[in-house]
PDB file of N, CA and C in Angstrom:
ATOM      1  N   MET A   1       0.864  -1.051  -0.067  1.00  0.00           N
ATOM      2  CA  MET A   1       0.019  -0.026   0.124  1.00  0.00           C
ATOM      3  C   MET A   1       0.894   1.250  -0.021  1.00  0.00           C
ATOM      4  N   ASN A   2       0.357   2.151  -0.560  1.00  0.00           N
ATOM      5  CA  ASN A   2       1.511   3.473  -0.507  1.00  0.00           C
ATOM      6  C   ASN A   2       1.698   4.397   0.745  1.00  0.00           C
ATOM      7  N   THR A   3       2.551   4.512   1.100  1.00  0.00           N
ATOM      8  CA  THR A   3       2.555   5.158   2.381  1.00  0.00           C
ATOM      9  C   THR A   3       1.729   6.474   2.401  1.00  0.00           C
ATOM     10  N   ALA A   4       1.228   7.280   1.354  1.00  0.00           N
ATOM     11  CA  ALA A   4       0.873   8.357   1.584  1.00  0.00           C
ATOM     12  C   ALA A   4      -0.691   8.112   1.927  1.00  0.00           C
ATOM     13  N   ILE A   5      -1.135   6.971   1.189  1.00  0.00           N
ATOM     14  CA  ILE A   5      -2.440   6.685   1.315  1.00  0.00           C
ATOM     15  C   ILE A   5      -2.700   5.782   2.771  1.00  0.00           C
ATOM     16  N   ARG A   6      -1.717   5.289   3.466  1.00  0.00           N
ATOM     17  CA  ARG A   6      -1.536   4.517   4.382  1.00  0.00           C
ATOM     18  C   ARG A   6      -1.480   5.734   5.764  1.00  0.00           C
ATOM     19  N   THR A   7      -0.690   6.498   5.504  1.00  0.00           N
ATOM     20  CA  THR A   7      -0.811   7.733   6.424  1.00  0.00           C
ATOM     21  C   THR A   7      -2.224   8.547   6.849  1.00  0.00           C
ATOM     22  N   LYS A   8      -2.713   8.891   5.622  1.00  0.00           N
ATOM     23  CA  LYS A   8      -4.026   9.439   5.573  1.00  0.00           C
ATOM     24  C   LYS A   8      -5.169   8.546   6.107  1.00  0.00           C
ATOM     25  N   LEU A   9      -5.019   7.146   5.918  1.00  0.00           N
ATOM     26  CA  LEU A   9      -5.857   6.376   6.316  1.00  0.00           C
ATOM     27  C   LEU A   9      -5.631   5.973   7.923  1.00  0.00           C
ATOM     28  N   CYS A  10      -4.786   6.205   8.738  1.00  0.00           N
ATOM     29  CA  CYS A  10      -4.154   6.126   9.695  1.00  0.00           C
ATOM     30  C   CYS A  10      -4.751   7.488  10.611  1.00  0.00           C
ATOM     31  N   ALA A  11      -4.721   8.593  10.196  1.00  0.00           N
ATOM     32  CA  ALA A  11      -4.887   9.931  10.198  1.00  0.00           C
ATOM     33  C   ALA A  11      -6.156   9.800  10.644  1.00  0.00           C
ATOM     34  N   ALA A  12      -7.079   9.082   9.492  1.00  0.00           N
ATOM     35  CA  ALA A  12      -8.564   9.232   9.729  1.00  0.00           C
ATOM     36  C   ALA A  12      -9.287   8.409  10.722  1.00  0.00           C
ATOM     37  N   ILE A  13      -8.379   6.992  10.757  1.00  0.00           N
ATOM     38  CA  ILE A  13      -8.932   6.058  12.110  1.00  0.00           C
ATOM     39  C   ILE A  13      -8.653   6.812  13.504  1.00  0.00           C
ATOM     40  N   TYR A  14      -7.478   7.814  13.639  1.00  0.00           N
ATOM     41  CA  TYR A  14      -7.260   8.068  14.826  1.00  0.00           C
ATOM     42  C   TYR A  14      -8.168   9.129  15.038  1.00  0.00           C
ATOM     43  N   CYS A  15      -8.575  10.044  14.161  1.00  0.00           N
ATOM     44  CA  CYS A  15      -9.322  11.162  14.372  1.00  0.00           C
ATOM     45  C   CYS A  15     -10.857  10.671  14.657  1.00  0.00           C
ATOM     46  N   LEU A  16     -11.249   9.604  13.844  1.00  0.00           N
ATOM     47  CA  LEU A  16     -12.353   8.751  14.097  1.00  0.00           C
ATOM     48  C   LEU A  16     -12.723   8.229  15.809  1.00  0.00           C
ATOM     49  N   CYS A  17     -11.535   7.867  15.996  1.00  0.00           N
ATOM     50  CA  CYS A  17     -11.290   7.050  17.631  1.00  0.00           C
ATOM     51  C   CYS A  17     -11.654   8.507  18.301  1.00  0.00           C
ATOM     52  N   GLY A  18     -10.658   9.613  18.003  1.00  0.00           N
ATOM     53  CA  GLY A  18     -10.862  10.924  19.056  1.00  0.00           C
ATOM     54  C   GLY A  18     -12.215  11.326  18.992  1.00  0.00           C
ATOM     55  N   ALA A  19     -13.133  11.420  18.161  1.00  0.00           N
ATOM     56  CA  ALA A  19     -14.117  12.057  18.043  1.00  0.00           C
ATOM     57  C   ALA A  19     -15.323  10.996  18.677  1.00  0.00           C
ATOM     58  N   THR A  20     -15.212   9.909  18.588  1.00  0.00           N
ATOM     59  CA  THR A  20     -15.877   8.771  19.438  1.00  0.00           C
ATOM     60  C   THR A  20     -15.773   8.735  20.741  1.00  0.00           C
ATOM     61  N   THR A  21     -14.199   9.130  21.156  1.00  0.00           N
ATOM     62  CA  THR A  21     -14.067   9.171  22.754  1.00  0.00           C
ATOM     63  C   THR A  21     -14.767  10.612  23.287  1.00  0.00           C
ATOM     64  N   LEU A  22     -14.676  11.565  22.426  1.00  0.00           N
ATOM     65  CA  LEU A  22     -15.442  12.865  22.835  1.00  0.00           C
ATOM     66  C   LEU A  22     -16.903  12.322  23.074  1.00  0.00           C
ATOM     67  N   CYS A  23     -17.513  12.440  21.848  1.00  0.00           N
ATOM     68  CA  CYS A  23     -18.816  11.815  22.173  1.00  0.00           C
ATOM     69  C   CYS A  23     -19.347  11.193  23.117  1.00  0.00           C
ATOM     70  N   ALA A  24     -18.559   9.823  23.586  1.00  0.00           N
ATOM     71  CA  ALA A  24     -18.675   9.114  24.562  1.00  0.00           C
ATOM     72  C   ALA A  24     -18.857  10.044  26.241  1.00  0.00           C
ATOM     73  N   LEU A  25     -17.786  10.826  25.967  1.00  0.00           N
ATOM     74  CA  LEU A  25     -17.545  11.515  27.299  1.00  0.00           C
ATOM     75  C   LEU A  25     -18.583  12.713  27.480  1.00  0.00           C
ATOM     76  N   GLN A  26     -19.018  13.190  26.376  1.00  0.00           N
ATOM     77  CA  GLN A  26     -20.073  14.102  26.408  1.00  0.00           C
ATOM     78  C   GLN A  26     -21.511  13.677  27.325  1.00  0.00           C
ATOM     79  N   ALA A  27     -21.922  12.627  26.660  1.00  0.00           N
ATOM     80  CA  ALA A  27     -23.072  12.248  27.061  1.00  0.00           C
ATOM     81  C   ALA A  27     -23.196  11.916  28.549  1.00  0.00           C
ATOM     82  N   PRO A  28     -22.019  11.596  29.727  1.00  0.00           N
ATOM     83  CA  PRO A  28     -22.205  11.414  30.761  1.00  0.00           C
ATOM     84  C   PRO A  28     -22.303  13.118  31.279  1.00  0.00           C
ATOM     85  N   ALA A  29     -21.537  13.957  30.766  1.00  0.00           N
ATOM     86  CA  ALA A  29     -21.662  15.465  30.841  1.00  0.00           C
ATOM     87  C   ALA A  29     -23.032  16.193  31.175  1.00  0.00           C
ATOM     88  N   ILE A  30     -23.715  15.691  30.009  1.00  0.00           N
ATOM     89  CA  ILE A  30     -25.077  15.930  29.776  1.00  0.00           C
ATOM     90  C   ILE A  30     -25.918  15.708  30.885  1.00  0.00           C
ATOM     91  N   ALA A  31     -25.744  14.059  31.224  1.00  0.00           N
ATOM     92  CA  ALA A  31     -26.737  13.686  31.913  1.00  0.00           C
ATOM     93  C   ALA A  31     -25.958  14.372  33.550  1.00  0.00           C
ATOM     94  N   ALA A  32     -25.109  14.460  33.766  1.00  0.00           N
ATOM     95  CA  ALA A  32     -24.957  15.210  35.036  1.00  0.00           C
ATOM     96  C   ALA A  32     -25.641  16.708  35.172  1.00  0.00           C
ATOM     97  N   ALA A  33     -25.530  17.304  33.980  1.00  0.00           N
ATOM     98  CA  ALA A  33     -26.178  18.475  34.381  1.00  0.00           C
ATOM     99  C   ALA A  33     -27.604  18.492  34.309  1.00  0.00           C
ATOM    100  N   ASP A  34     -28.354  17.471  33.879  1.00  0.00           N
ATOM    101  CA  ASP A  34     -29.523  17.211  34.266  1.00  0.00           C
ATOM    102  C   ASP A  34     -29.863  16.883  35.790  1.00  0.00           C
ATOM    103  N   ASN A  35     -28.680  16.466  36.475  1.00  0.00           N
ATOM    104  CA  ASN A  35     -29.060  15.845  37.858  1.00  0.00           C
ATOM    105  C   ASN A  35     -28.136  16.926  38.808  1.00  0.00           C
ATOM    106  N   LEU A  36     -28.114  17.942  38.462  1.00  0.00           N
ATOM    107  CA  LEU A  36     -27.264  18.913  39.473  1.00  0.00           C
ATOM    108  C   LEU A  36     -28.756  19.339  40.555  1.00  0.00           C
ATOM    109  N   PRO A  37     -27.887  19.257  41.706  1.00  0.00           N
ATOM    110  CA  PRO A  37     -29.155  19.379  42.952  1.00  0.00           C
ATOM    111  C   PRO A  37     -29.638  20.848  42.466  1.00  0.00           C
ATOM    112  N   THR A  38     -30.546  21.507  42.870  1.00  0.00           N
ATOM    113  CA  THR A  38     -30.900  22.755  42.790  1.00  0.00           C
ATOM    114  C   THR A  38     -31.361  23.669  44.323  1.00  0.00           C
ATOM    115  N   ARG A  39     -31.151  24.721  44.256  1.00  0.00           N
ATOM    116  CA  ARG A  39     -31.500  25.446  45.450  1.00  0.00           C
ATOM    117  C   ARG A  39     -32.670  26.830  44.808  1.00  0.00           C
ATOM    118  N   ARG A  40     -33.590  27.203  45.185  1.00  0.00           N
ATOM    119  CA  ARG A  40     -34.077  28.264  45.096  1.00  0.00           C
ATOM    120  C   ARG A  40     -33.569  29.818  45.525  1.00  0.00           C
ATOM    121  N   VAL A  41     -33.274  30.560  44.709  1.00  0.00           N
ATOM    122  CA  VAL A  41     -32.585  31.909  45.223  1.00  0.00           C
ATOM    123  C   VAL A  41     -33.691  33.412  45.307  1.00  0.00           C
ATOM    124  N   SER A  42     -34.300  33.670  46.201  1.00  0.00           N
ATOM    125  CA  SER A  42     -35.308  34.529  45.976  1.00  0.00           C
ATOM    126  C   SER A  42     -34.379  36.316  45.733  1.00  0.00           C
ATOM    127  N   TYR A  43     -35.105  36.944  44.833  1.00  0.00           N
ATOM    128  CA  TYR A  43     -34.340  38.287  44.666  1.00  0.00           C
ATOM    129  C   TYR A  43     -35.594  39.364  44.278  1.00  0.00           C
ATOM    130  N   ALA A  44     -36.466  38.797  44.693  1.00  0.00           N
ATOM    131  CA  ALA A  44     -37.667  39.842  44.473  1.00  0.00           C
ATOM    132  C   ALA A  44     -37.466  41.230  45.311  1.00  0.00           C
ATOM    133  N   ASP A  45     -36.378  41.504  45.985  1.00  0.00           N
ATOM    134  CA  ASP A  45     -36.471  42.474  46.931  1.00  0.00           C
ATOM    135  C   ASP A  45     -35.499  43.469  46.256  1.00  0.00           C
ATOM    136  N   LEU A  46     -34.560  42.609  45.248  1.00  0.00           N
ATOM    137  CA  LEU A  46     -33.800  43.406  44.316  1.00  0.00           C
ATOM    138  C   LEU A  46     -33.695  44.008  43.438  1.00  0.00           C
ATOM    139  N   ASP A  47     -33.229  45.081  43.087  1.00  0.00           N
ATOM    140  CA  ASP A  47     -33.374  45.745  41.718  1.00  0.00           C
ATOM    141  C   ASP A  47     -32.081  45.074  40.796  1.00  0.00           C
ATOM    142  N   ILE A  48     -32.503  43.781  40.034  1.00  0.00           N
ATOM    143  CA  ILE A  48     -31.240  43.513  39.728  1.00  0.00           C
ATOM    144  C   ILE A  48     -30.786  44.224  38.197  1.00  0.00           C
ATOM    145  N   SER A  49     -31.403  45.181  37.986  1.00  0.00           N
ATOM    146  CA  SER A  49     -30.892  46.034  36.649  1.00  0.00           C
ATOM    147  C   SER A  49     -29.918  46.905  37.241  1.00  0.00           C
ATOM    148  N   LYS A  50     -29.763  47.260  38.369  1.00  0.00           N
ATOM    149  CA  LYS A  50     -28.765  48.204  38.867  1.00  0.00           C
ATOM    150  C   LYS A  50     -27.739  47.481  39.196  1.00  0.00           C
ATOM    151  N   PRO A  51     -26.136  47.831  39.059  1.00  0.00           N
ATOM    152  CA  PRO A  51     -24.824  46.965  39.627  1.00  0.00           C
ATOM    153  C   PRO A  51     -25.102  46.495  41.059  1.00  0.00           C
ATOM    154  N   ALA A  52     -25.600  47.342  42.161  1.00  0.00           N
ATOM    155  CA  ALA A  52     -25.248  46.804  43.231  1.00  0.00           C
ATOM    156  C   ALA A  52     -26.670  45.601  43.647  1.00  0.00           C
ATOM    157  N   GLY A  53     -27.868  45.650  42.836  1.00  0.00           N
ATOM    158  CA  GLY A  53     -28.712  44.580  43.235  1.00  0.00           C
ATOM    159  C   GLY A  53     -28.109  43.389  42.483  1.00  0.00           C
ATOM    160  N   ALA A  54     -27.506  43.592  41.282  1.00  0.00           N
ATOM    161  CA  ALA A  54     -27.263  42.385  40.962  1.00  0.00           C
ATOM    162  C   ALA A  54     -25.980  41.784  41.704  1.00  0.00           C
ATOM    163  N   LYS A  55     -24.964  42.469  42.196  1.00  0.00           N
ATOM    164  CA  LYS A  55     -23.952  42.075  43.079  1.00  0.00           C
ATOM    165  C   LYS A  55     -24.229  41.260  44.323  1.00  0.00           C
ATOM    166  N   VAL A  56     -25.523  41.652  44.935  1.00  0.00           N
ATOM    167  CA  VAL A  56     -26.273  41.298  45.834  1.00  0.00           C
ATOM    168  C   VAL A  56     -26.906  40.060  45.534  1.00  0.00           C
ATOM    169  N   LEU A  57     -27.142  39.780  44.469  1.00  0.00           N
ATOM    170  CA  LEU A  57     -28.212  38.485  43.907  1.00  0.00           C
ATOM    171  C   LEU A  57     -26.542  37.618  43.397  1.00  0.00           C
ATOM    172  N   TYR A  58     -25.967  38.020  42.764  1.00  0.00           N
ATOM    173  CA  TYR A  58     -24.577  37.153  42.730  1.00  0.00           C
ATOM    174  C   TYR A  58     -24.064  36.551  43.898  1.00  0.00           C
ATOM    175  N   GLY A  59     -23.938  36.982  44.945  1.00  0.00           N
ATOM    176  CA  GLY A  59     -23.606  36.438  45.832  1.00  0.00           C
ATOM    177  C   GLY A  59     -24.465  35.874  46.724  1.00  0.00           C
ATOM    178  N   ARG A  60     -25.744  35.758  46.354  1.00  0.00           N
ATOM    179  CA  ARG A  60     -26.736  34.727  46.642  1.00  0.00           C
ATOM    180  C   ARG A  60     -26.592  33.470  46.016  1.00  0.00           C
ATOM    181  N   ILE A  61     -26.369  33.687  44.726  1.00  0.00           N
ATOM    182  CA  ILE A  61     -26.289  32.482  43.748  1.00  0.00           C
ATOM    183  C   ILE A  61     -24.972  31.775  43.893  1.00  0.00           C
ATOM    184  N   GLU A  62     -23.775  32.712  44.287  1.00  0.00           N
ATOM    185  CA  GLU A  62     -22.579  32.082  44.666  1.00  0.00           C
ATOM    186  C   GLU A  62     -22.608  30.851  46.041  1.00  0.00           C
ATOM    187  N   ALA A  63     -23.241  31.578  46.864  1.00  0.00           N
ATOM    188  CA  ALA A  63     -23.982  30.899  48.415  1.00  0.00           C
ATOM    189  C   ALA A  63     -24.412  29.623  48.062  1.00  0.00           C
ATOM    190  N   ALA A  64     -25.669  29.815  47.388  1.00  0.00           N
ATOM    191  CA  ALA A  64     -26.719  28.583  46.945  1.00  0.00           C
ATOM    192  C   ALA A  64     -25.747  27.559  46.351  1.00  0.00           C
ATOM    193  N   ALA A  65     -24.987  27.992  45.464  1.00  0.00           N
ATOM    194  CA  ALA A  65     -24.423  27.049  44.787  1.00  0.00           C
ATOM    195  C   ALA A  65     -22.960  26.080  45.344  1.00  0.00           C
ATOM    196  N   ARG A  66     -22.403  26.903  46.286  1.00  0.00           N
ATOM    197  CA  ARG A  66     -21.510  26.335  47.168  1.00  0.00           C
ATOM    198  C   ARG A  66     -22.206  25.407  48.233  1.00  0.00           C
ATOM    199  N   GLU A  67     -23.477  25.753  48.626  1.00  0.00           N
ATOM    200  CA  GLU A  67     -24.623  24.837  49.459  1.00  0.00           C
ATOM    201  C   GLU A  67     -24.885  23.297  48.738  1.00  0.00           C
ATOM    202  N   VAL A  68     -25.284  23.733  47.569  1.00  0.00           N
ATOM    203  CA  VAL A  68     -25.815  22.150  47.002  1.00  0.00           C
ATOM    204  C   VAL A  68     -24.755  21.622  46.268  1.00  0.00           C
ATOM    205  N   CYS A  69     -23.294  22.045  46.182  1.00  0.00           N
ATOM    206  CA  CYS A  69     -22.264  21.573  45.474  1.00  0.00           C
ATOM    207  C   CYS A  69     -21.140  20.865  46.662  1.00  0.00           C
ATOM    208  N   LEU A  70     -21.182  21.825  48.005  1.00  0.00           N
ATOM    209  CA  LEU A  70     -19.962  21.413  48.766  1.00  0.00           C
ATOM    210  C   LEU A  70     -20.938  20.897  50.278  1.00  0.00           C
ATOM    211  N   LEU A  71     -20.252  19.984  50.859  1.00  0.00           N
ATOM    212  CA  LEU A  71     -20.531  19.713  52.126  1.00  0.00           C
ATOM    213  C   LEU A  71     -20.047  20.759  53.113  1.00  0.00           C
ATOM    214  N   ASP A  72     -19.017  21.320  53.189  1.00  0.00           N
ATOM    215  CA  ASP A  72     -18.891  22.395  53.564  1.00  0.00           C
ATOM    216  C   ASP A  72     -18.457  23.510  53.206  1.00  0.00           C
ATOM    217  N   THR A  73     -19.250  24.417  53.432  1.00  0.00           N
ATOM    218  CA  THR A  73     -19.643  25.760  52.537  1.00  0.00           C
ATOM    219  C   THR A  73     -18.688  26.794  52.806  1.00  0.00           C
ATOM    220  N   SER A  74     -17.851  26.431  54.089  1.00  0.00           N
ATOM    221  CA  SER A  74     -17.447  27.520  54.821  1.00  0.00           C
ATOM    222  C   SER A  74     -16.120  28.332  53.815  1.00  0.00           C
ATOM    223  N   THR A  75     -15.710  27.134  52.865  1.00  0.00           N
ATOM    224  CA  THR A  75     -14.341  27.685  52.037  1.00  0.00           C
ATOM    225  C   THR A  75     -14.137  26.553  51.068  1.00  0.00           C
ATOM    226  N   LEU A  76     -13.565  27.241  49.891  1.00  0.00           N
ATOM    227  CA  LEU A  76     -13.504  26.528  48.622  1.00  0.00           C
ATOM    228  C   LEU A  76     -12.033  25.558  48.550  1.00  0.00           C
ATOM    229  N   VAL A  77     -10.965  25.871  49.943  1.00  0.00           N
ATOM    230  CA  VAL A  77      -9.942  25.617  49.769  1.00  0.00           C
ATOM    231  C   VAL A  77      -9.721  24.162  49.905  1.00  0.00           C
ATOM    232  N   GLY A  78     -10.834  23.069  50.327  1.00  0.00           N
ATOM    233  CA  GLY A  78     -11.027  21.730  50.514  1.00  0.00           C
ATOM    234  C   GLY A  78     -11.836  21.041  49.161  1.00  0.00           C
ATOM    235  N   ALA A  79     -12.323  22.293  48.365  1.00  0.00           N
ATOM    236  CA  ALA A  79     -12.976  21.392  47.235  1.00  0.00           C
ATOM    237  C   ALA A  79     -12.343  21.000  46.315  1.00  0.00           C
ATOM    238  N   THR A  80     -12.781  19.746  45.708  1.00  0.00           N
ATOM    239  CA  THR A  80     -11.890  18.972  44.560  1.00  0.00           C
ATOM    240  C   THR A  80     -12.352  19.609  43.119  1.00  0.00           C
ATOM    241  N   ALA A  81     -11.683  19.378  42.140  1.00  0.00           N
ATOM    242  CA  ALA A  81     -12.181  19.918  40.941  1.00  0.00           C
ATOM    243  C   ALA A  81     -13.508  19.680  40.686  1.00  0.00           C
ATOM    244  N   ARG A  82     -13.952  18.500  41.128  1.00  0.00           N
ATOM    245  CA  ARG A  82     -15.359  18.192  40.761  1.00  0.00           C
ATOM    246  C   ARG A  82     -16.441  19.202  41.214  1.00  0.00           C
ATOM    247  N   ASP A  83     -16.399  19.223  42.466  1.00  0.00           N
ATOM    248  CA  ASP A  83     -16.970  20.455  43.191  1.00  0.00           C
ATOM    249  C   ASP A  83     -16.878  21.818  42.776  1.00  0.00           C
ATOM    250  N   ARG A  84     -15.536  22.245  42.384  1.00  0.00           N
ATOM    251  CA  ARG A  84     -15.407  23.804  41.769  1.00  0.00           C
ATOM    252  C   ARG A  84     -16.088  23.829  40.286  1.00  0.00           C
ATOM    253  N   ALA A  85     -16.127  22.461  39.841  1.00  0.00           N
ATOM    254  CA  ALA A  85     -17.088  22.530  38.252  1.00  0.00           C
ATOM    255  C   ALA A  85     -18.392  22.521  38.614  1.00  0.00           C
ATOM    256  N   CYS A  86     -18.743  21.986  39.802  1.00  0.00           N
ATOM    257  CA  CYS A  86     -20.404  21.783  39.912  1.00  0.00           C
ATOM    258  C   CYS A  86     -20.579  23.112  40.429  1.00  0.00           C
ATOM    259  N   ILE A  87     -20.016  23.921  40.978  1.00  0.00           N
ATOM    260  CA  ILE A  87     -20.301  25.287  41.744  1.00  0.00           C
ATOM    261  C   ILE A  87     -20.213  26.294  40.265  1.00  0.00           C
ATOM    262  N   ASN A  88     -19.725  26.269  39.361  1.00  0.00           N
ATOM    263  CA  ASN A  88     -19.309  26.941  38.387  1.00  0.00           C
ATOM    264  C   ASN A  88     -20.321  26.842  37.539  1.00  0.00           C
ATOM    265  N   GLN A  89     -21.153  25.485  37.455  1.00  0.00           N
ATOM    266  CA  GLN A  89     -21.955  25.285  36.369  1.00  0.00           C
ATOM    267  C   GLN A  89     -23.213  25.832  37.094  1.00  0.00           C
ATOM    268  N   ALA A  90     -23.326  25.473  38.530  1.00  0.00           N
ATOM    269  CA  ALA A  90     -24.635  26.151  38.946  1.00  0.00           C
ATOM    270  C   ALA A  90     -25.055  27.466  38.951  1.00  0.00           C
ATOM    271  N   ILE A  91     -23.710  28.168  39.195  1.00  0.00           N
ATOM    272  CA  ILE A  91     -23.802  30.183  38.779  1.00  0.00           C
ATOM    273  C   ILE A  91     -24.076  30.139  37.545  1.00  0.00           C
ATOM    274  N   ASP A  92     -23.174  29.342  36.429  1.00  0.00           N
ATOM    275  CA  ASP A  92     -23.543  29.681  35.068  1.00  0.00           C
ATOM    276  C   ASP A  92     -25.045  29.491  34.914  1.00  0.00           C
ATOM    277  N   ILE A  93     -25.814  28.386  34.982  1.00  0.00           N
ATOM    278  CA  ILE A  93     -27.076  28.392  35.026  1.00  0.00           C
ATOM    279  C   ILE A  93     -27.634  29.163  35.475  1.00  0.00           C
ATOM    280  N   ALA A  94     -27.549  29.560  36.564  1.00  0.00           N
ATOM    281  CA  ALA A  94     -28.386  30.407  37.165  1.00  0.00           C
ATOM    282  C   ALA A  94     -28.311  31.807  36.733  1.00  0.00           C
ATOM    283  N   VAL A  95     -27.346  32.183  36.340  1.00  0.00           N
ATOM    284  CA  VAL A  95     -26.977  33.451  35.321  1.00  0.00           C
ATOM    285  C   VAL A  95     -28.075  33.596  34.204  1.00  0.00           C
ATOM    286  N   LYS A  96     -27.500  32.658  33.629  1.00  0.00           N
ATOM    287  CA  LYS A  96     -28.453  32.555  32.312  1.00  0.00           C
ATOM    288  C   LYS A  96     -30.196  32.704  32.474  1.00  0.00           C
ATOM    289  N   HIS A  97     -30.365  31.795  33.748  1.00  0.00           N
ATOM    290  CA  HIS A  97     -31.766  31.628  33.578  1.00  0.00           C
ATOM    291  C   HIS A  97     -32.429  33.169  34.361  1.00  0.00           C
ATOM    292  N   VAL A  98     -31.702  33.690  34.989  1.00  0.00           N
ATOM    293  CA  VAL A  98     -32.224  35.090  35.431  1.00  0.00           C
ATOM    294  C   VAL A  98     -32.263  36.130  34.092  1.00  0.00           C
ATOM    295  N   ASN A  99     -31.172  35.630  33.377  1.00  0.00           N
ATOM    296  CA  ASN A  99     -31.414  36.616  31.963  1.00  0.00           C
ATOM    297  C   ASN A  99     -31.207  38.155  32.186  1.00  0.00           C
ATOM    298  N   SER A 100     -30.608  38.816  33.189  1.00  0.00           N
ATOM    299  CA  SER A 100     -30.140  40.074  33.527  1.00  0.00           C
ATOM    300  C   SER A 100     -28.926  40.650  33.175  1.00  0.00           C
ATOM    301  N   VAL A 101     -29.034  41.693  32.417  1.00  0.00           N
ATOM    302  CA  VAL A 101     -27.766  42.158  31.901  1.00  0.00           C
ATOM    303  C   VAL A 101     -26.715  42.716  32.730  1.00  0.00           C
ATOM    304  N   ALA A 102     -27.281  43.669  33.669  1.00  0.00           N
ATOM    305  CA  ALA A 102     -26.128  43.521  34.591  1.00  0.00           C
ATOM    306  C   ALA A 102     -25.506  42.440  35.387  1.00  0.00           C
ATOM    307  N   LEU A 103     -26.290  41.295  35.731  1.00  0.00           N
ATOM    308  CA  LEU A 103     -25.605  39.760  36.446  1.00  0.00           C
ATOM    309  C   LEU A 103     -24.860  39.237  35.609  1.00  0.00           C
ATOM    310  N   SER A 104     -25.007  39.253  34.018  1.00  0.00           N
ATOM    311  CA  SER A 104     -24.385  38.883  33.133  1.00  0.00           C
ATOM    312  C   SER A 104     -23.148  39.251  32.774  1.00  0.00           C
ATOM    313  N   GLU A 105     -23.338  40.576  33.054  1.00  0.00           N
ATOM    314  CA  GLU A 105     -21.994  41.421  33.040  1.00  0.00           C
ATOM    315  C   GLU A 105     -21.114  40.935  34.079  1.00  0.00           C
ATOM    316  N   LEU A 106     -21.645  41.295  35.365  1.00  0.00           N
ATOM    317  CA  LEU A 106     -21.182  40.995  36.711  1.00  0.00           C
ATOM    318  C   LEU A 106     -20.353  39.462  36.461  1.00  0.00           C
ATOM    319  N   HIS A 107     -21.326  38.641  36.116  1.00  0.00           N
ATOM    320  CA  HIS A 107     -20.362  37.241  36.086  1.00  0.00           C
ATOM    321  C   HIS A 107     -19.337  37.269  34.900  1.00  0.00           C
ATOM    322  N   SER A 108     -19.793  37.863  33.984  1.00  0.00           N
ATOM    323  CA  SER A 108     -18.645  37.537  32.817  1.00  0.00           C
ATOM    324  C   SER A 108     -17.103  38.270  33.263  1.00  0.00           C
ATOM    325  N   ALA A 109     -17.271  39.609  34.324  1.00  0.00           N
ATOM    326  CA  ALA A 109     -16.012  40.032  34.747  1.00  0.00           C
ATOM    327  C   ALA A 109     -15.470  38.881  35.528  1.00  0.00           C
ATOM    328  N   ARG A 110     -16.210  38.531  36.681  1.00  0.00           N
ATOM    329  CA  ARG A 110     -15.650  37.680  37.650  1.00  0.00           C
ATOM    330  C   ARG A 110     -15.136  36.457  36.827  1.00  0.00           C
ATOM    331  N   VAL A 111     -15.785  35.984  36.182  1.00  0.00           N
ATOM    332  CA  VAL A 111     -14.979  34.734  35.312  1.00  0.00           C
ATOM    333  C   VAL A 111     -13.922  35.032  35.001  1.00  0.00           C
ATOM    334  N   ILE A 112     -13.684  36.191  34.172  1.00  0.00           N
ATOM    335  CA  ILE A 112     -12.265  36.580  33.436  1.00  0.00           C
ATOM    336  C   ILE A 112     -11.378  36.949  34.165  1.00  0.00           C
ATOM    337  N   ARG A 113     -11.882  37.544  35.172  1.00  0.00           N
ATOM    338  CA  ARG A 113     -10.734  37.897  36.443  1.00  0.00           C
ATOM    339  C   ARG A 113     -10.206  36.233  37.262  1.00  0.00           C
ATOM    340  N   LEU A 114     -11.054  35.504  37.440  1.00  0.00           N
ATOM    341  CA  LEU A 114     -10.740  34.266  38.065  1.00  0.00           C
ATOM    342  C   LEU A 114      -9.649  33.601  36.873  1.00  0.00           C
ATOM    343  N   ALA A 115      -9.457  33.489  35.713  1.00  0.00           N
ATOM    344  CA  ALA A 115      -9.136  32.800  34.642  1.00  0.00           C
ATOM    345  C   ALA A 115      -7.936  33.680  34.596  1.00  0.00           C
ATOM    346  N   GLY A 116      -7.548  34.706  34.832  1.00  0.00           N
ATOM    347  CA  GLY A 116      -6.526  35.567  34.859  1.00  0.00           C
ATOM    348  C   GLY A 116      -5.664  35.101  36.209  1.00  0.00           C
ATOM    349  N   LYS A 117      -5.975  34.636  37.227  1.00  0.00           N
ATOM    350  CA  LYS A 117      -5.325  34.494  38.404  1.00  0.00           C
ATOM    351  C   LYS A 117      -4.008  33.420  38.085  1.00  0.00           C
TER     352      LYS A 117
END
């Protein structure tokens, strides 16, 4: 068999195996998102269109996310990567669900700042 054809065939097989693996790993992640614990966070007393109200709500969302994802809510130091991923995912979902521009901007700024650490 021609080496160029063999190389292309091997590359195609590796890509197919990689794509299959990624698809297989994605299914449990989607299922895990559906099984996240939930906590209702009230914000009827806040004006979330203003930065101050959005900041208070963001704090409540963070606290609720820690409560449902961690046993020890006092610190993130002992949190595993899985716990932190749960917290981040819970916060992302809550911010999207509220659908407030001020809250989304605050969340984006915090995510960018955390990533820059």
